[in-house]
Amino acid sequence: MPGDGDRDPQGRVSFYRAGVALFAVAFVGIGIALVALTAIRGGGAVGFVLGVLFVAAGIGRLSLLRRRR
């Protein structure tokens, strides 16, 4: 019967983990791009700080994801 809880919960968990990893890698990429573009354009501190924070958030999330295995 549909909705009787017969699905494999492990499939959902692995899908969730893959999504979290994808977003974490995207955050790292956005952060690197922010830092690079800020440096190329001779920008101020805000671009550097936001870029570093994006990279830190992505790396932190990836490290937490690896730790929970």
N, C-alpha and C. Protein backbone atom coordinates (compact mmCIF):
# COMPACT_ATOMS: atom_id res chain seq x y z
N MET A 1 0.83 -1.18 0.00
CA MET A 1 0.00 0.00 0.00
C MET A 1 0.88 1.24 0.00
N PRO A 2 0.47 2.26 -0.72
CA PRO A 2 1.24 3.50 -0.70
C PRO A 2 1.19 4.16 0.67
N GLY A 3 2.33 4.64 1.10
CA GLY A 3 2.38 5.38 2.36
C GLY A 3 2.43 4.51 3.59
N ASP A 4 2.71 3.19 3.44
CA ASP A 4 2.74 2.32 4.60
C ASP A 4 4.12 2.22 5.24
N GLY A 5 5.07 3.02 4.77
CA GLY A 5 6.40 3.04 5.37
C GLY A 5 7.29 1.93 4.88
N ASP A 6 6.98 1.34 3.73
CA ASP A 6 7.74 0.21 3.21
C ASP A 6 8.95 0.66 2.39
N ARG A 7 9.16 1.93 2.26
CA ARG A 7 10.29 2.43 1.48
C ARG A 7 11.59 2.24 2.24
N ASP A 8 12.67 2.28 1.49
CA ASP A 8 13.99 2.15 2.08
C ASP A 8 14.45 3.51 2.60
N PRO A 9 14.53 3.70 3.91
CA PRO A 9 14.95 5.02 4.44
C PRO A 9 16.39 5.34 4.11
N GLN A 10 17.22 4.33 3.88
CA GLN A 10 18.63 4.59 3.56
C GLN A 10 18.77 5.34 2.25
N GLY A 11 17.88 5.10 1.30
CA GLY A 11 17.92 5.81 0.02
C GLY A 11 17.69 7.30 0.20
N ARG A 12 16.78 7.64 1.07
CA ARG A 12 16.52 9.06 1.35
C ARG A 12 17.71 9.72 2.02
N VAL A 13 18.33 9.00 2.93
CA VAL A 13 19.47 9.55 3.65
C VAL A 13 20.63 9.79 2.69
N SER A 14 20.90 8.85 1.81
CA SER A 14 22.02 9.04 0.88
C SER A 14 21.72 10.16 -0.12
N PHE A 15 20.45 10.30 -0.50
CA PHE A 15 20.06 11.42 -1.38
C PHE A 15 20.26 12.75 -0.67
N TYR A 16 19.89 12.81 0.60
CA TYR A 16 20.07 14.02 1.40
C TYR A 16 21.55 14.37 1.54
N ARG A 17 22.37 13.36 1.84
CA ARG A 17 23.81 13.59 2.02
C ARG A 17 24.45 14.08 0.72
N ALA A 18 24.02 13.53 -0.40
CA ALA A 18 24.56 13.97 -1.68
C ALA A 18 24.16 15.42 -1.96
N GLY A 19 22.93 15.77 -1.63
CA GLY A 19 22.47 17.16 -1.81
C GLY A 19 23.23 18.13 -0.94
N VAL A 20 23.47 17.75 0.31
CA VAL A 20 24.22 18.60 1.22
C VAL A 20 25.65 18.78 0.72
N ALA A 21 26.25 17.70 0.25
CA ALA A 21 27.62 17.79 -0.27
C ALA A 21 27.67 18.68 -1.51
N LEU A 22 26.67 18.57 -2.36
CA LEU A 22 26.63 19.40 -3.57
C LEU A 22 26.53 20.89 -3.21
N PHE A 23 25.67 21.22 -2.26
CA PHE A 23 25.54 22.62 -1.85
C PHE A 23 26.82 23.11 -1.15
N ALA A 24 27.47 22.25 -0.39
CA ALA A 24 28.71 22.66 0.27
C ALA A 24 29.80 22.96 -0.76
N VAL A 25 29.91 22.12 -1.77
CA VAL A 25 30.89 22.37 -2.83
C VAL A 25 30.54 23.64 -3.59
N ALA A 26 29.25 23.88 -3.80
CA ALA A 26 28.82 25.11 -4.46
C ALA A 26 29.19 26.34 -3.62
N PHE A 27 29.05 26.24 -2.32
CA PHE A 27 29.42 27.35 -1.44
C PHE A 27 30.91 27.64 -1.55
N VAL A 28 31.72 26.60 -1.57
CA VAL A 28 33.17 26.79 -1.71
C VAL A 28 33.48 27.47 -3.05
N GLY A 29 32.83 27.01 -4.11
CA GLY A 29 33.04 27.61 -5.42
C GLY A 29 32.63 29.07 -5.47
N ILE A 30 31.48 29.38 -4.87
CA ILE A 30 31.02 30.78 -4.83
C ILE A 30 32.01 31.63 -4.03
N GLY A 31 32.50 31.10 -2.93
CA GLY A 31 33.46 31.85 -2.12
C GLY A 31 34.75 32.13 -2.86
N ILE A 32 35.26 31.13 -3.56
CA ILE A 32 36.49 31.32 -4.32
C ILE A 32 36.26 32.35 -5.43
N ALA A 33 35.11 32.26 -6.09
CA ALA A 33 34.79 33.23 -7.14
C ALA A 33 34.68 34.65 -6.57
N LEU A 34 34.06 34.79 -5.42
CA LEU A 34 33.96 36.11 -4.80
C LEU A 34 35.33 36.70 -4.48
N VAL A 35 36.19 35.89 -3.90
CA VAL A 35 37.53 36.37 -3.57
C VAL A 35 38.30 36.74 -4.84
N ALA A 36 38.22 35.88 -5.84
CA ALA A 36 38.96 36.13 -7.09
C ALA A 36 38.45 37.39 -7.79
N LEU A 37 37.15 37.53 -7.90
CA LEU A 37 36.60 38.71 -8.57
C LEU A 37 36.88 39.99 -7.79
N THR A 38 36.84 39.89 -6.47
CA THR A 38 37.15 41.07 -5.66
C THR A 38 38.60 41.48 -5.86
N ALA A 39 39.49 40.50 -5.93
CA ALA A 39 40.90 40.81 -6.13
C ALA A 39 41.15 41.38 -7.52
N ILE A 40 40.51 40.81 -8.53
CA ILE A 40 40.70 41.29 -9.90
C ILE A 40 40.20 42.72 -10.06
N ARG A 41 39.07 43.00 -9.46
CA ARG A 41 38.47 44.33 -9.61
C ARG A 41 38.99 45.34 -8.59
N GLY A 42 39.88 44.91 -7.73
CA GLY A 42 40.46 45.82 -6.74
C GLY A 42 39.44 46.28 -5.72
N GLY A 43 38.54 45.39 -5.36
CA GLY A 43 37.44 45.73 -4.46
C GLY A 43 37.85 45.88 -3.02
N GLY A 44 36.85 46.12 -2.20
CA GLY A 44 37.08 46.36 -0.78
C GLY A 44 37.04 45.09 0.04
N ALA A 45 37.00 45.31 1.33
CA ALA A 45 37.07 44.22 2.29
C ALA A 45 35.81 43.36 2.31
N VAL A 46 34.68 43.93 1.93
CA VAL A 46 33.42 43.20 2.02
C VAL A 46 33.44 41.96 1.12
N GLY A 47 33.94 42.10 -0.09
CA GLY A 47 34.02 40.96 -1.00
C GLY A 47 34.94 39.87 -0.50
N PHE A 48 36.07 40.27 0.08
CA PHE A 48 37.00 39.29 0.63
C PHE A 48 36.39 38.57 1.83
N VAL A 49 35.76 39.33 2.70
CA VAL A 49 35.17 38.73 3.91
C VAL A 49 34.05 37.77 3.53
N LEU A 50 33.16 38.19 2.65
CA LEU A 50 32.07 37.30 2.23
C LEU A 50 32.60 36.06 1.53
N GLY A 51 33.61 36.22 0.70
CA GLY A 51 34.19 35.07 0.02
C GLY A 51 34.78 34.07 0.98
N VAL A 52 35.54 34.57 1.94
CA VAL A 52 36.15 33.68 2.94
C VAL A 52 35.07 33.01 3.78
N LEU A 53 34.01 33.74 4.12
CA LEU A 53 32.93 33.13 4.90
C LEU A 53 32.20 32.04 4.11
N PHE A 54 32.00 32.25 2.82
CA PHE A 54 31.38 31.21 1.99
C PHE A 54 32.26 29.97 1.95
N VAL A 55 33.56 30.16 1.74
CA VAL A 55 34.48 29.03 1.70
C VAL A 55 34.48 28.30 3.05
N ALA A 56 34.52 29.05 4.14
CA ALA A 56 34.53 28.44 5.47
C ALA A 56 33.24 27.67 5.73
N ALA A 57 32.10 28.21 5.31
CA ALA A 57 30.83 27.52 5.51
C ALA A 57 30.79 26.22 4.71
N GLY A 58 31.26 26.25 3.49
CA GLY A 58 31.28 25.04 2.67
C GLY A 58 32.20 23.98 3.22
N ILE A 59 33.41 24.38 3.60
CA ILE A 59 34.37 23.42 4.14
C ILE A 59 33.88 22.88 5.48
N GLY A 60 33.31 23.75 6.30
CA GLY A 60 32.78 23.30 7.58
C GLY A 60 31.66 22.29 7.42
N ARG A 61 30.78 22.54 6.45
CA ARG A 61 29.68 21.60 6.22
C ARG A 61 30.19 20.27 5.69
N LEU A 62 31.18 20.31 4.81
CA LEU A 62 31.76 19.06 4.31
C LEU A 62 32.44 18.27 5.42
N SER A 63 33.13 18.97 6.31
CA SER A 63 33.81 18.26 7.41
C SER A 63 32.79 17.65 8.37
N LEU A 64 31.70 18.35 8.63
CA LEU A 64 30.64 17.78 9.48
C LEU A 64 29.98 16.58 8.81
N LEU A 65 29.81 16.65 7.52
CA LEU A 65 29.20 15.55 6.78
C LEU A 65 30.10 14.31 6.82
N ARG A 66 31.40 14.50 6.70
CA ARG A 66 32.33 13.36 6.76
C ARG A 66 32.41 12.78 8.15
N ARG A 67 32.29 13.62 9.16
CA ARG A 67 32.41 13.16 10.55
C ARG A 67 31.23 12.28 10.96
N ARG A 68 30.07 12.48 10.37
CA ARG A 68 28.86 11.74 10.78
C ARG A 68 28.74 10.37 10.13
N ARG A 69 29.67 9.98 9.31
CA ARG A 69 29.60 8.65 8.66
C ARG A 69 29.76 7.60 9.65
